[in-house]
C-alpha cells in the first residue's frame, strides 16, 4: 500500500509539472500492486478513488507522450473496474477518466452522451460533488459536440461558477475545449488566458501546451492570424520540451493549416510530416487521421503554390 501511495503521489506531482515520462514511470509502478492490495484500496471509502484515478492518469500521460493505443488499454482497465461494485467516488472517477479519454483525447463521441447522463445521475443521487462537477462538464462537452450548443453551454456555466472547489486547471482545460467546439470566443479566450497565466505563475502544467494551442484557435476565430501563429509555435515548443508528442501533433496540425492558408505549403508539409512519422501506433485515431488527410492534401500538386 505504501508503495502505491508513494508512486501515485509522485506521479501526480510529476504530471502537474509537465514531466510526463517521470509521471508514467511512477504510475506504472503504482498500478503493479497485488490484487489483494487493489481490493483493499477500493473497499476503503476514504481512498477508493485513488486506484482508478491512478489508472486514469496513466492513460492520460501515455496519450500525451504519443502512445494512444497504450492509453486505450489502460482505459479498458477502468472499464473492467466498472464491472464490479464500486463506491460512488471511485465510480465517478472511473467514468470521468473514461469519458475524457474517449471524447477529449481520442475524439470518439459514439454513445458517450448516454454514458455521461447515467454517470451524472448516479453521482447526483449519491451526492458526490466531484462526480457531479466533472461529469457535468463532460456531458456539456458532449452536448456541444452533438450541436446542442445552448444546453451544453448552460451545463458548463453552472459548473464553472462553482469550480473553485475543484481542480481548477482540469476544469479550465475541459471547459476551454468545449467553448472552442462551440466557437464561443470571448468565454473560451478568457478561460485559456487565465489558465496560461496560472501555469506561468507556478501552477499546473499538465495541459500547458494544449492551452496555448487553444489560445491560437480562439485568436484565429477572432481574426488575428499573427497571434494565432505565435500561440501555435509556443504550443509546439512547450510540447517538444515536455516530450508531449500528441500535443505537438495537435499544435502542428493547427499551425500547418494556417501556413497552408498563407501559401507556405512546403513548410506546413515538412513540419507535419516530421511529427507524424514519429508515431508508431494509433493511426486509426482522429488526430493522426486528420494529420494524414492534411498531408495528402498538401502533397497534391494541383493545390501546391509557391510556399
Foldseek 3Di string as FASTA:
>chain_A
DVLLVVLLVQLVVCLQALQLVSSLVSLVSNLVDDPVVLVVQQVDPVRNQSNLLSLLVNLLSCLQLFNNVVSVVSLVVLVVVVVDDGPLNNLLSNLLSNLCSCCVRLNHLVVNLVSLVVNCVSCVVVVPVVSVLRSLLSNLLSCLLVPVPVVSVVSLVVSVVVCVVDDLLVSLVSVLVSCLSNLVLPVNLVSLVVNQVCVVVPGGCNCNLVSLQSNLSSCVSVVNNVSNLVSLVVSLVSSVVSSRLSSNLSSLLSNLVSCVVVQNLVVSLVSLVVSLVVHDDDCVGDSNVSSVVSNVVSPPPVSHDPD
